[in-house]
Amino acid sequence: MPIIKNNDNTLTVRFGLGDINIGSGLTNNETEGIVTFREQEPHPIGHFVKNEEKQVDLVDYPVHLVFQNVASLDVLIERLQTSRKYMTGELDVWED
């Protein structure tokens, strides 16, 4: 199961098997960016399916990342890029 509610009230989203649908768009007020996550049948990683609906029901997406400004989105992107560098060995997590 890729989206796990833990006993300590935290949530784990485990990526890598193509079984998480990742969506993106704007919130209803169209001023905030949003990234959504929900479980799906496994597809090749990166497989893109265009959602034909202009609006979706967020109840169908149990995890939402909402960005009130581009700067907050940029921080997440930078952290993801840094995590990638750790995984590829470009950076050593144990060195300062």
N, C-alpha and C. Protein backbone atom coordinates (compact mmCIF):
# COMPACT_ATOMS: atom_id res chain seq x y z
N MET A 1 0.85 -1.18 0.00
CA MET A 1 0.00 0.00 0.00
C MET A 1 0.89 1.24 0.00
N PRO A 2 0.75 2.10 -0.98
CA PRO A 2 1.66 3.24 -1.12
C PRO A 2 1.36 4.42 -0.21
N ILE A 3 0.11 4.59 0.25
CA ILE A 3 -0.24 5.68 1.15
C ILE A 3 -0.67 5.05 2.46
N ILE A 4 0.10 5.30 3.51
CA ILE A 4 -0.06 4.59 4.78
C ILE A 4 -0.32 5.58 5.90
N LYS A 5 -1.42 5.38 6.63
CA LYS A 5 -1.68 6.15 7.84
C LYS A 5 -1.03 5.39 8.99
N ASN A 6 -0.05 6.01 9.63
CA ASN A 6 0.70 5.38 10.69
C ASN A 6 -0.02 5.53 12.04
N ASN A 7 0.34 4.68 12.98
CA ASN A 7 -0.27 4.71 14.31
C ASN A 7 -0.02 6.01 15.05
N ASP A 8 1.03 6.74 14.70
CA ASP A 8 1.37 7.99 15.40
C ASP A 8 0.77 9.22 14.72
N ASN A 9 -0.27 9.01 13.90
CA ASN A 9 -0.98 10.07 13.18
C ASN A 9 -0.16 10.73 12.09
N THR A 10 0.92 10.10 11.66
CA THR A 10 1.67 10.59 10.51
C THR A 10 1.21 9.83 9.27
N LEU A 11 1.61 10.32 8.13
CA LEU A 11 1.23 9.71 6.87
C LEU A 11 2.50 9.44 6.08
N THR A 12 2.61 8.25 5.53
CA THR A 12 3.74 7.90 4.69
C THR A 12 3.25 7.65 3.27
N VAL A 13 3.89 8.29 2.30
CA VAL A 13 3.59 8.06 0.90
C VAL A 13 4.85 7.43 0.31
N ARG A 14 4.74 6.15 -0.09
CA ARG A 14 5.90 5.39 -0.56
C ARG A 14 5.87 5.30 -2.08
N PHE A 15 6.86 5.92 -2.71
CA PHE A 15 6.95 6.00 -4.16
C PHE A 15 7.87 4.91 -4.71
N GLY A 16 7.71 4.59 -5.98
CA GLY A 16 8.67 3.73 -6.66
C GLY A 16 8.09 2.55 -7.40
N LEU A 17 6.79 2.31 -7.28
CA LEU A 17 6.20 1.16 -7.95
C LEU A 17 5.15 1.54 -9.00
N GLY A 18 4.97 2.84 -9.23
CA GLY A 18 4.00 3.29 -10.22
C GLY A 18 2.56 3.19 -9.75
N ASP A 19 2.36 3.03 -8.43
CA ASP A 19 1.01 2.85 -7.92
C ASP A 19 0.46 4.09 -7.20
N ILE A 20 1.08 5.25 -7.45
CA ILE A 20 0.58 6.51 -6.94
C ILE A 20 0.31 7.44 -8.12
N ASN A 21 -0.90 7.93 -8.18
CA ASN A 21 -1.26 8.93 -9.19
C ASN A 21 -0.93 10.29 -8.59
N ILE A 22 -0.13 11.07 -9.28
CA ILE A 22 0.25 12.41 -8.83
C ILE A 22 -0.38 13.41 -9.78
N GLY A 23 -1.21 14.28 -9.21
CA GLY A 23 -1.88 15.30 -10.02
C GLY A 23 -1.39 16.68 -9.65
N SER A 24 -1.65 17.64 -10.51
CA SER A 24 -1.26 19.02 -10.21
C SER A 24 -2.28 19.97 -10.81
N GLY A 25 -2.35 21.15 -10.23
CA GLY A 25 -3.29 22.15 -10.73
C GLY A 25 -3.37 23.33 -9.79
N LEU A 26 -4.54 23.95 -9.78
CA LEU A 26 -4.81 25.10 -8.91
C LEU A 26 -6.00 24.76 -8.02
N THR A 27 -6.04 25.36 -6.82
CA THR A 27 -7.20 25.19 -5.96
C THR A 27 -8.40 25.92 -6.56
N ASN A 28 -9.55 25.74 -5.95
CA ASN A 28 -10.78 26.35 -6.47
C ASN A 28 -10.69 27.85 -6.62
N ASN A 29 -9.96 28.51 -5.71
CA ASN A 29 -9.84 29.97 -5.83
C ASN A 29 -8.80 30.37 -6.88
N GLU A 30 -8.13 29.39 -7.46
CA GLU A 30 -7.17 29.57 -8.56
C GLU A 30 -6.01 30.50 -8.22
N THR A 31 -5.71 30.61 -6.92
CA THR A 31 -4.55 31.40 -6.52
C THR A 31 -3.48 30.53 -5.88
N GLU A 32 -3.83 29.30 -5.52
CA GLU A 32 -2.87 28.41 -4.87
C GLU A 32 -2.60 27.21 -5.78
N GLY A 33 -1.33 26.83 -5.83
CA GLY A 33 -0.98 25.62 -6.56
C GLY A 33 -1.26 24.41 -5.70
N ILE A 34 -1.57 23.29 -6.32
CA ILE A 34 -1.85 22.07 -5.56
C ILE A 34 -1.25 20.87 -6.27
N VAL A 35 -0.72 19.95 -5.47
CA VAL A 35 -0.25 18.66 -5.96
C VAL A 35 -1.02 17.62 -5.16
N THR A 36 -1.62 16.65 -5.85
CA THR A 36 -2.44 15.65 -5.19
C THR A 36 -1.86 14.26 -5.40
N PHE A 37 -2.18 13.37 -4.47
CA PHE A 37 -1.69 12.00 -4.53
C PHE A 37 -2.85 11.05 -4.20
N ARG A 38 -2.97 9.97 -4.98
CA ARG A 38 -3.92 8.91 -4.65
C ARG A 38 -3.38 7.60 -5.20
N GLU A 39 -3.85 6.51 -4.61
CA GLU A 39 -3.42 5.19 -5.06
C GLU A 39 -4.07 4.87 -6.40
N GLN A 40 -3.36 4.09 -7.21
CA GLN A 40 -3.87 3.65 -8.50
C GLN A 40 -3.33 2.26 -8.80
N GLU A 41 -3.89 1.62 -9.79
CA GLU A 41 -3.31 0.38 -10.28
C GLU A 41 -1.93 0.73 -10.84
N PRO A 42 -0.93 -0.12 -10.63
CA PRO A 42 0.42 0.20 -11.11
C PRO A 42 0.48 0.48 -12.60
N HIS A 43 1.21 1.54 -12.94
CA HIS A 43 1.51 1.94 -14.32
C HIS A 43 3.01 2.14 -14.39
N PRO A 44 3.58 2.20 -15.58
CA PRO A 44 4.99 2.56 -15.66
C PRO A 44 5.21 3.92 -14.98
N ILE A 45 6.29 4.04 -14.24
CA ILE A 45 6.58 5.29 -13.54
C ILE A 45 6.72 6.40 -14.57
N GLY A 46 6.02 7.51 -14.30
CA GLY A 46 6.04 8.64 -15.22
C GLY A 46 4.92 8.61 -16.25
N HIS A 47 4.15 7.53 -16.27
CA HIS A 47 3.03 7.41 -17.21
C HIS A 47 2.06 8.56 -16.97
N PHE A 48 1.73 9.29 -18.01
CA PHE A 48 0.86 10.46 -17.87
C PHE A 48 -0.51 10.18 -18.44
N VAL A 49 -1.52 10.47 -17.63
CA VAL A 49 -2.90 10.38 -18.09
C VAL A 49 -3.54 11.74 -17.82
N LYS A 50 -3.98 12.41 -18.86
CA LYS A 50 -4.61 13.72 -18.71
C LYS A 50 -5.99 13.55 -18.11
N ASN A 51 -6.26 14.30 -17.04
CA ASN A 51 -7.57 14.30 -16.42
C ASN A 51 -8.48 15.20 -17.26
N GLU A 52 -9.53 14.64 -17.80
CA GLU A 52 -10.43 15.40 -18.67
C GLU A 52 -11.31 16.37 -17.89
N GLU A 53 -11.44 16.15 -16.59
CA GLU A 53 -12.26 17.02 -15.75
C GLU A 53 -11.47 18.27 -15.39
N LYS A 54 -12.09 19.44 -15.52
CA LYS A 54 -11.42 20.68 -15.13
C LYS A 54 -11.28 20.75 -13.61
N GLN A 55 -12.28 20.25 -12.89
CA GLN A 55 -12.25 20.23 -11.43
C GLN A 55 -12.38 18.79 -10.96
N VAL A 56 -11.68 18.47 -9.88
CA VAL A 56 -11.77 17.14 -9.29
C VAL A 56 -12.26 17.26 -7.86
N ASP A 57 -12.81 16.19 -7.34
CA ASP A 57 -13.23 16.15 -5.95
C ASP A 57 -12.04 15.73 -5.11
N LEU A 58 -11.56 16.62 -4.26
CA LEU A 58 -10.36 16.33 -3.47
C LEU A 58 -10.57 15.18 -2.49
N VAL A 59 -11.80 14.79 -2.25
CA VAL A 59 -12.05 13.61 -1.41
C VAL A 59 -11.43 12.38 -2.05
N ASP A 60 -11.33 12.37 -3.38
CA ASP A 60 -10.74 11.24 -4.10
C ASP A 60 -9.23 11.22 -4.01
N TYR A 61 -8.64 12.27 -3.48
CA TYR A 61 -7.18 12.40 -3.36
C TYR A 61 -6.84 12.58 -1.89
N PRO A 62 -6.41 11.53 -1.19
CA PRO A 62 -6.23 11.63 0.25
C PRO A 62 -5.06 12.49 0.71
N VAL A 63 -4.17 12.85 -0.19
CA VAL A 63 -3.02 13.68 0.19
C VAL A 63 -2.98 14.89 -0.74
N HIS A 64 -2.87 16.09 -0.14
CA HIS A 64 -2.79 17.34 -0.91
C HIS A 64 -1.61 18.15 -0.42
N LEU A 65 -0.84 18.68 -1.33
CA LEU A 65 0.17 19.69 -1.02
C LEU A 65 -0.34 20.99 -1.63
N VAL A 66 -0.53 22.01 -0.82
CA VAL A 66 -1.08 23.28 -1.29
C VAL A 66 -0.03 24.36 -1.09
N PHE A 67 0.22 25.14 -2.12
CA PHE A 67 1.26 26.16 -2.11
C PHE A 67 0.62 27.54 -2.28
N GLN A 68 0.82 28.40 -1.28
CA GLN A 68 0.25 29.74 -1.34
C GLN A 68 1.10 30.70 -2.15
N ASN A 69 2.34 30.32 -2.43
CA ASN A 69 3.21 31.16 -3.24
C ASN A 69 4.27 30.31 -3.91
N VAL A 70 4.87 30.84 -4.94
CA VAL A 70 5.88 30.11 -5.71
C VAL A 70 7.11 29.82 -4.87
N ALA A 71 7.46 30.71 -3.93
CA ALA A 71 8.65 30.49 -3.10
C ALA A 71 8.53 29.20 -2.30
N SER A 72 7.35 28.92 -1.76
CA SER A 72 7.18 27.68 -0.99
C SER A 72 7.29 26.46 -1.89
N LEU A 73 6.80 26.56 -3.11
CA LEU A 73 6.95 25.48 -4.08
C LEU A 73 8.42 25.29 -4.44
N ASP A 74 9.15 26.38 -4.61
CA ASP A 74 10.58 26.31 -4.94
C ASP A 74 11.38 25.59 -3.85
N VAL A 75 11.01 25.81 -2.59
CA VAL A 75 11.71 25.13 -1.49
C VAL A 75 11.50 23.62 -1.58
N LEU A 76 10.28 23.19 -1.85
CA LEU A 76 10.02 21.76 -1.99
C LEU A 76 10.81 21.19 -3.16
N ILE A 77 10.81 21.87 -4.29
CA ILE A 77 11.56 21.41 -5.46
C ILE A 77 13.03 21.27 -5.12
N GLU A 78 13.59 22.25 -4.42
CA GLU A 78 15.01 22.20 -4.04
C GLU A 78 15.29 21.02 -3.13
N ARG A 79 14.40 20.76 -2.16
CA ARG A 79 14.58 19.63 -1.24
C ARG A 79 14.48 18.30 -1.99
N LEU A 80 13.57 18.21 -2.94
CA LEU A 80 13.47 17.00 -3.76
C LEU A 80 14.74 16.80 -4.59
N GLN A 81 15.27 17.89 -5.15
CA GLN A 81 16.51 17.78 -5.93
C GLN A 81 17.68 17.36 -5.04
N THR A 82 17.71 17.85 -3.81
CA THR A 82 18.77 17.46 -2.88
C THR A 82 18.63 15.98 -2.51
N SER A 83 17.42 15.52 -2.25
CA SER A 83 17.20 14.10 -1.95
C SER A 83 17.65 13.23 -3.12
N ARG A 84 17.41 13.70 -4.34
CA ARG A 84 17.85 12.96 -5.51
C ARG A 84 19.38 12.84 -5.53
N LYS A 85 20.06 13.93 -5.18
CA LYS A 85 21.52 13.91 -5.15
C LYS A 85 22.03 12.93 -4.09
N TYR A 86 21.35 12.83 -2.96
CA TYR A 86 21.73 11.84 -1.94
C TYR A 86 21.56 10.43 -2.50
N MET A 87 20.44 10.19 -3.17
CA MET A 87 20.16 8.85 -3.68
C MET A 87 21.14 8.43 -4.78
N THR A 88 21.60 9.39 -5.59
CA THR A 88 22.52 9.06 -6.68
C THR A 88 23.98 9.08 -6.25
N GLY A 89 24.23 9.52 -5.01
CA GLY A 89 25.60 9.58 -4.50
C GLY A 89 26.33 10.88 -4.84
N GLU A 90 25.64 11.80 -5.48
CA GLU A 90 26.25 13.09 -5.81
C GLU A 90 26.57 13.88 -4.54
N LEU A 91 25.75 13.70 -3.51
CA LEU A 91 25.99 14.30 -2.20
C LEU A 91 26.04 13.20 -1.17
N ASP A 92 26.82 13.40 -0.12
CA ASP A 92 26.90 12.45 0.98
C ASP A 92 26.11 13.03 2.16
N VAL A 93 25.06 12.34 2.55
CA VAL A 93 24.20 12.82 3.62
C VAL A 93 24.95 12.95 4.95
N TRP A 94 26.06 12.23 5.10
CA TRP A 94 26.79 12.22 6.37
C TRP A 94 27.88 13.27 6.44
N GLU A 95 28.14 13.98 5.33
CA GLU A 95 29.18 15.00 5.33
C GLU A 95 28.53 16.37 5.46
N ASP A 96 29.22 17.31 6.05
CA ASP A 96 28.73 18.69 6.17
C ASP A 96 29.02 19.48 4.93
